[in-house]
């Protein structure tokens, strides 16, 4: 199951073909690939998802999603 609120860790090296036709490459041992699309270094995760996580206990109390 894929969690869209955090990265996917993939063993490297990695080549990712982006929608615009460019290729993002990494030679790292393990690569964190962004799934939330908030990363400024997309497709690589920069932990931007952490600032936007929902608080499950706040649901139904008038908080924004």
PDB file of N, CA and C in Angstrom:
ATOM      1  N   UNK A   1       0.845  -1.177   0.000  1.00  0.00           N
ATOM      2  CA  UNK A   1       0.000   0.000   0.000  1.00  0.00           C
ATOM      3  C   UNK A   1       0.893   1.244   0.000  1.00  0.00           C
ATOM      4  N   UNK A   2       0.524   2.216  -0.789  1.00  0.00           N
ATOM      5  CA  UNK A   2       1.286   3.450  -0.944  1.00  0.00           C
ATOM      6  C   UNK A   2       0.675   4.539  -0.077  1.00  0.00           C
ATOM      7  N   UNK A   3       1.520   5.214   0.727  1.00  0.00           N
ATOM      8  CA  UNK A   3       1.069   6.304   1.581  1.00  0.00           C
ATOM      9  C   UNK A   3       1.420   7.625   0.898  1.00  0.00           C
ATOM     10  N   UNK A   4       0.409   8.367   0.451  1.00  0.00           N
ATOM     11  CA  UNK A   4       0.654   9.610  -0.280  1.00  0.00           C
ATOM     12  C   UNK A   4       0.982  10.789   0.637  1.00  0.00           C
ATOM     13  N   UNK A   5       1.239  10.514   1.918  1.00  0.00           N
ATOM     14  CA  UNK A   5       1.632  11.584   2.829  1.00  0.00           C
ATOM     15  C   UNK A   5       3.101  11.475   3.206  1.00  0.00           C
ATOM     16  N   UNK A   6       3.829  10.651   2.506  1.00  0.00           N
ATOM     17  CA  UNK A   6       5.250  10.486   2.768  1.00  0.00           C
ATOM     18  C   UNK A   6       5.936   9.930   1.536  1.00  0.00           C
ATOM     19  N   UNK A   7       7.255   9.804   1.582  1.00  0.00           N
ATOM     20  CA  UNK A   7       7.992   9.345   0.401  1.00  0.00           C
ATOM     21  C   UNK A   7       7.972   7.827   0.234  1.00  0.00           C
ATOM     22  N   UNK A   8       8.361   7.410  -0.952  1.00  0.00           N
ATOM     23  CA  UNK A   8       8.603   6.008  -1.242  1.00  0.00           C
ATOM     24  C   UNK A   8      10.114   5.846  -1.300  1.00  0.00           C
ATOM     25  N   UNK A   9      10.650   4.904  -0.551  1.00  0.00           N
ATOM     26  CA  UNK A   9      12.088   4.647  -0.561  1.00  0.00           C
ATOM     27  C   UNK A   9      12.392   3.574  -1.591  1.00  0.00           C
ATOM     28  N   UNK A  10      13.330   3.892  -2.490  1.00  0.00           N
ATOM     29  CA  UNK A  10      13.693   2.988  -3.580  1.00  0.00           C
ATOM     30  C   UNK A  10      15.200   2.804  -3.568  1.00  0.00           C
ATOM     31  N   UNK A  11      15.629   1.563  -3.734  1.00  0.00           N
ATOM     32  CA  UNK A  11      17.065   1.301  -3.827  1.00  0.00           C
ATOM     33  C   UNK A  11      17.594   1.871  -5.133  1.00  0.00           C
ATOM     34  N   UNK A  12      18.721   2.581  -5.049  1.00  0.00           N
ATOM     35  CA  UNK A  12      19.308   3.226  -6.213  1.00  0.00           C
ATOM     36  C   UNK A  12      20.331   2.338  -6.885  1.00  0.00           C
ATOM     37  N   UNK A  13      20.879   2.799  -7.971  1.00  0.00           N
ATOM     38  CA  UNK A  13      20.600   4.056  -8.669  1.00  0.00           C
ATOM     39  C   UNK A  13      19.212   4.043  -9.318  1.00  0.00           C
ATOM     40  N   UNK A  14      18.661   5.262  -9.530  1.00  0.00           N
ATOM     41  CA  UNK A  14      17.290   5.408 -10.001  1.00  0.00           C
ATOM     42  C   UNK A  14      17.231   6.392 -11.164  1.00  0.00           C
ATOM     43  N   UNK A  15      16.383   6.081 -12.133  1.00  0.00           N
ATOM     44  CA  UNK A  15      16.019   7.011 -13.208  1.00  0.00           C
ATOM     45  C   UNK A  15      14.505   7.127 -13.192  1.00  0.00           C
ATOM     46  N   UNK A  16      13.997   8.368 -13.104  1.00  0.00           N
ATOM     47  CA  UNK A  16      12.559   8.603 -13.100  1.00  0.00           C
ATOM     48  C   UNK A  16      12.222   9.458 -14.313  1.00  0.00           C
ATOM     49  N   UNK A  17      11.302   8.965 -15.121  1.00  0.00           N
ATOM     50  CA  UNK A  17      10.865   9.679 -16.317  1.00  0.00           C
ATOM     51  C   UNK A  17       9.661  10.538 -15.936  1.00  0.00           C
ATOM     52  N   UNK A  18       9.827  11.863 -16.038  1.00  0.00           N
ATOM     53  CA  UNK A  18       8.795  12.803 -15.629  1.00  0.00           C
ATOM     54  C   UNK A  18       7.795  13.067 -16.744  1.00  0.00           C
ATOM     55  N   UNK A  19       6.659  13.652 -16.375  1.00  0.00           N
ATOM     56  CA  UNK A  19       5.581  13.927 -17.329  1.00  0.00           C
ATOM     57  C   UNK A  19       6.012  14.809 -18.489  1.00  0.00           C
ATOM     58  N   UNK A  20       6.965  15.721 -18.237  1.00  0.00           N
ATOM     59  CA  UNK A  20       7.397  16.643 -19.295  1.00  0.00           C
ATOM     60  C   UNK A  20       8.469  16.040 -20.207  1.00  0.00           C
ATOM     61  N   UNK A  21       8.796  14.768 -19.981  1.00  0.00           N
ATOM     62  CA  UNK A  21       9.753  14.082 -20.844  1.00  0.00           C
ATOM     63  C   UNK A  21      11.185  14.109 -20.328  1.00  0.00           C
ATOM     64  N   UNK A  22      11.456  14.853 -19.262  1.00  0.00           N
ATOM     65  CA  UNK A  22      12.805  14.883 -18.707  1.00  0.00           C
ATOM     66  C   UNK A  22      13.039  13.651 -17.839  1.00  0.00           C
ATOM     67  N   UNK A  23      14.304  13.380 -17.572  1.00  0.00           N
ATOM     68  CA  UNK A  23      14.677  12.236 -16.753  1.00  0.00           C
ATOM     69  C   UNK A  23      15.438  12.743 -15.528  1.00  0.00           C
ATOM     70  N   UNK A  24      14.975  12.353 -14.357  1.00  0.00           N
ATOM     71  CA  UNK A  24      15.665  12.679 -13.112  1.00  0.00           C
ATOM     72  C   UNK A  24      16.474  11.448 -12.710  1.00  0.00           C
ATOM     73  N   UNK A  25      17.762  11.650 -12.425  1.00  0.00           N
ATOM     74  CA  UNK A  25      18.651  10.539 -12.090  1.00  0.00           C
ATOM     75  C   UNK A  25      19.271  10.738 -10.720  1.00  0.00           C
ATOM     76  N   UNK A  26      19.460   9.631 -10.009  1.00  0.00           N
ATOM     77  CA  UNK A  26      20.158   9.654  -8.732  1.00  0.00           C
ATOM     78  C   UNK A  26      21.009   8.396  -8.613  1.00  0.00           C
ATOM     79  N   UNK A  27      22.246   8.573  -8.175  1.00  0.00           N
ATOM     80  CA  UNK A  27      23.150   7.454  -7.971  1.00  0.00           C
ATOM     81  C   UNK A  27      23.229   7.044  -6.503  1.00  0.00           C
ATOM     82  N   UNK A  28      22.390   7.607  -5.670  1.00  0.00           N
ATOM     83  CA  UNK A  28      22.419   7.294  -4.238  1.00  0.00           C
ATOM     84  C   UNK A  28      22.029   5.843  -3.984  1.00  0.00           C
ATOM     85  N   UNK A  29      22.444   5.336  -2.827  1.00  0.00           N
ATOM     86  CA  UNK A  29      22.159   3.960  -2.426  1.00  0.00           C
ATOM     87  C   UNK A  29      20.651   3.758  -2.213  1.00  0.00           C
ATOM     88  N   UNK A  30      20.000   4.722  -1.559  1.00  0.00           N
ATOM     89  CA  UNK A  30      18.553   4.720  -1.352  1.00  0.00           C
ATOM     90  C   UNK A  30      18.041   6.112  -1.684  1.00  0.00           C
ATOM     91  N   UNK A  31      16.920   6.172  -2.402  1.00  0.00           N
ATOM     92  CA  UNK A  31      16.345   7.442  -2.839  1.00  0.00           C
ATOM     93  C   UNK A  31      14.940   7.575  -2.260  1.00  0.00           C
ATOM     94  N   UNK A  32      14.608   8.758  -1.736  1.00  0.00           N
ATOM     95  CA  UNK A  32      13.263   9.051  -1.247  1.00  0.00           C
ATOM     96  C   UNK A  32      12.524   9.802  -2.352  1.00  0.00           C
ATOM     97  N   UNK A  33      11.516   9.163  -2.922  1.00  0.00           N
ATOM     98  CA  UNK A  33      10.745   9.753  -4.017  1.00  0.00           C
ATOM     99  C   UNK A  33       9.464  10.338  -3.449  1.00  0.00           C
ATOM    100  N   UNK A  34       9.198  11.588  -3.791  1.00  0.00           N
ATOM    101  CA  UNK A  34       8.034  12.320  -3.301  1.00  0.00           C
ATOM    102  C   UNK A  34       6.741  11.745  -3.880  1.00  0.00           C
ATOM    103  N   UNK A  35       5.731  11.565  -3.014  1.00  0.00           N
ATOM    104  CA  UNK A  35       4.413  11.140  -3.496  1.00  0.00           C
ATOM    105  C   UNK A  35       3.344  12.204  -3.251  1.00  0.00           C
ATOM    106  N   UNK A  36       3.676  13.239  -2.446  1.00  0.00           N
ATOM    107  CA  UNK A  36       2.681  14.270  -2.133  1.00  0.00           C
ATOM    108  C   UNK A  36       2.725  15.442  -3.116  1.00  0.00           C
ATOM    109  N   UNK A  37       3.793  15.538  -3.901  1.00  0.00           N
ATOM    110  CA  UNK A  37       4.001  16.585  -4.903  1.00  0.00           C
ATOM    111  C   UNK A  37       4.207  17.971  -4.304  1.00  0.00           C
ATOM    112  N   UNK A  38       4.549  18.063  -3.019  1.00  0.00           N
ATOM    113  CA  UNK A  38       4.820  19.358  -2.384  1.00  0.00           C
ATOM    114  C   UNK A  38       6.302  19.704  -2.397  1.00  0.00           C
ATOM    115  N   UNK A  39       7.137  18.754  -2.753  1.00  0.00           N
ATOM    116  CA  UNK A  39       8.589  18.928  -2.687  1.00  0.00           C
ATOM    117  C   UNK A  39       9.068  19.993  -3.668  1.00  0.00           C
ATOM    118  N   UNK A  40       9.956  20.852  -3.201  1.00  0.00           N
ATOM    119  CA  UNK A  40      10.569  21.847  -4.090  1.00  0.00           C
ATOM    120  C   UNK A  40      11.620  21.212  -4.971  1.00  0.00           C
ATOM    121  N   UNK A  41      12.043  20.010  -4.615  1.00  0.00           N
ATOM    122  CA  UNK A  41      13.040  19.301  -5.420  1.00  0.00           C
ATOM    123  C   UNK A  41      12.419  18.065  -6.078  1.00  0.00           C
ATOM    124  N   UNK A  42      11.132  18.147  -6.392  1.00  0.00           N
ATOM    125  CA  UNK A  42      10.401  17.036  -7.007  1.00  0.00           C
ATOM    126  C   UNK A  42      11.153  16.506  -8.226  1.00  0.00           C
ATOM    127  N   UNK A  43      11.315  15.214  -8.392  1.00  0.00           N
ATOM    128  CA  UNK A  43      10.600  14.118  -7.759  1.00  0.00           C
ATOM    129  C   UNK A  43      11.226  13.625  -6.464  1.00  0.00           C
ATOM    130  N   UNK A  44      12.278  14.265  -5.997  1.00  0.00           N
ATOM    131  CA  UNK A  44      12.931  13.827  -4.765  1.00  0.00           C
ATOM    132  C   UNK A  44      12.238  14.452  -3.556  1.00  0.00           C
ATOM    133  N   UNK A  45      12.102  13.701  -2.504  1.00  0.00           N
ATOM    134  CA  UNK A  45      11.451  14.177  -1.284  1.00  0.00           C
ATOM    135  C   UNK A  45      12.361  15.160  -0.543  1.00  0.00           C
ATOM    136  N   UNK A  46      11.793  16.288  -0.106  1.00  0.00           N
ATOM    137  CA  UNK A  46      12.540  17.237   0.719  1.00  0.00           C
ATOM    138  C   UNK A  46      11.855  17.415   2.082  1.00  0.00           C
ATOM    139  N   UNK A  47      11.003  16.500   2.457  1.00  0.00           N
ATOM    140  CA  UNK A  47      10.218  16.454   3.707  1.00  0.00           C
ATOM    141  C   UNK A  47       9.174  17.559   3.816  1.00  0.00           C
ATOM    142  N   UNK A  48       8.776  18.170   2.721  1.00  0.00           N
ATOM    143  CA  UNK A  48       7.718  19.188   2.746  1.00  0.00           C
ATOM    144  C   UNK A  48       6.398  18.613   3.256  1.00  0.00           C
ATOM    145  N   UNK A  49       6.186  17.316   3.097  1.00  0.00           N
ATOM    146  CA  UNK A  49       4.947  16.683   3.536  1.00  0.00           C
ATOM    147  C   UNK A  49       4.767  16.782   5.048  1.00  0.00           C
ATOM    148  N   UNK A  50       5.837  16.907   5.803  1.00  0.00           N
ATOM    149  CA  UNK A  50       5.741  16.936   7.271  1.00  0.00           C
ATOM    150  C   UNK A  50       4.950  18.132   7.778  1.00  0.00           C
ATOM    151  N   UNK A  51       5.074  19.268   7.138  1.00  0.00           N
ATOM    152  CA  UNK A  51       4.377  20.477   7.578  1.00  0.00           C
ATOM    153  C   UNK A  51       2.886  20.430   7.275  1.00  0.00           C
ATOM    154  N   UNK A  52       2.448  19.483   6.457  1.00  0.00           N
ATOM    155  CA  UNK A  52       1.056  19.440   6.003  1.00  0.00           C
ATOM    156  C   UNK A  52       0.310  18.196   6.449  1.00  0.00           C
ATOM    157  N   UNK A  53       0.872  17.439   7.372  1.00  0.00           N
ATOM    158  CA  UNK A  53       0.196  16.216   7.819  1.00  0.00           C
ATOM    159  C   UNK A  53      -1.070  16.558   8.571  1.00  0.00           C
ATOM    160  N   UNK A  54      -2.082  15.747   8.358  1.00  0.00           N
ATOM    161  CA  UNK A  54      -3.341  15.934   9.057  1.00  0.00           C
ATOM    162  C   UNK A  54      -3.257  15.324  10.444  1.00  0.00           C
ATOM    163  N   UNK A  55      -3.918  15.948  11.388  1.00  0.00           N
ATOM    164  CA  UNK A  55      -3.999  15.430  12.733  1.00  0.00           C
ATOM    165  C   UNK A  55      -5.293  14.624  12.834  1.00  0.00           C
ATOM    166  N   UNK A  56      -5.209  13.287  12.920  1.00  0.00           N
ATOM    167  CA  UNK A  56      -6.417  12.453  12.925  1.00  0.00           C
ATOM    168  C   UNK A  56      -7.360  12.785  14.080  1.00  0.00           C
ATOM    169  N   UNK A  57      -6.862  13.241  15.212  1.00  0.00           N
ATOM    170  CA  UNK A  57      -7.730  13.551  16.352  1.00  0.00           C
ATOM    171  C   UNK A  57      -8.485  14.853  16.147  1.00  0.00           C
ATOM    172  N   UNK A  58      -8.067  15.694  15.191  1.00  0.00           N
ATOM    173  CA  UNK A  58      -8.719  16.974  14.948  1.00  0.00           C
ATOM    174  C   UNK A  58      -9.864  16.866  13.955  1.00  0.00           C
ATOM    175  N   UNK A  59     -10.073  15.705  13.377  1.00  0.00           N
ATOM    176  CA  UNK A  59     -11.153  15.539  12.397  1.00  0.00           C
ATOM    177  C   UNK A  59     -12.504  15.769  13.052  1.00  0.00           C
ATOM    178  N   UNK A  60     -13.374  16.413  12.324  1.00  0.00           N
ATOM    179  CA  UNK A  60     -14.708  16.655  12.811  1.00  0.00           C
ATOM    180  C   UNK A  60     -14.793  17.801  13.803  1.00  0.00           C
ATOM    181  N   UNK A  61     -13.733  18.523  14.032  1.00  0.00           N
ATOM    182  CA  UNK A  61     -13.744  19.629  14.976  1.00  0.00           C
ATOM    183  C   UNK A  61     -13.617  20.973  14.259  1.00  0.00           C
ATOM    184  N   UNK A  62     -14.017  21.017  12.989  1.00  0.00           N
ATOM    185  CA  UNK A  62     -13.966  22.276  12.253  1.00  0.00           C
ATOM    186  C   UNK A  62     -12.617  22.619  11.686  1.00  0.00           C
ATOM    187  N   UNK A  63     -11.674  21.694  11.730  1.00  0.00           N
ATOM    188  CA  UNK A  63     -10.344  21.970  11.178  1.00  0.00           C
ATOM    189  C   UNK A  63     -10.321  21.716   9.691  1.00  0.00           C
ATOM    190  N   UNK A  64      -9.441  22.385   9.011  1.00  0.00           N
ATOM    191  CA  UNK A  64      -9.301  22.188   7.568  1.00  0.00           C
ATOM    192  C   UNK A  64      -8.556  20.898   7.303  1.00  0.00           C
ATOM    193  N   UNK A  65      -8.857  20.220   6.200  1.00  0.00           N
ATOM    194  CA  UNK A  65      -8.154  18.980   5.865  1.00  0.00           C
ATOM    195  C   UNK A  65      -6.736  19.232   5.447  1.00  0.00           C
TER     196      UNK A  65
END
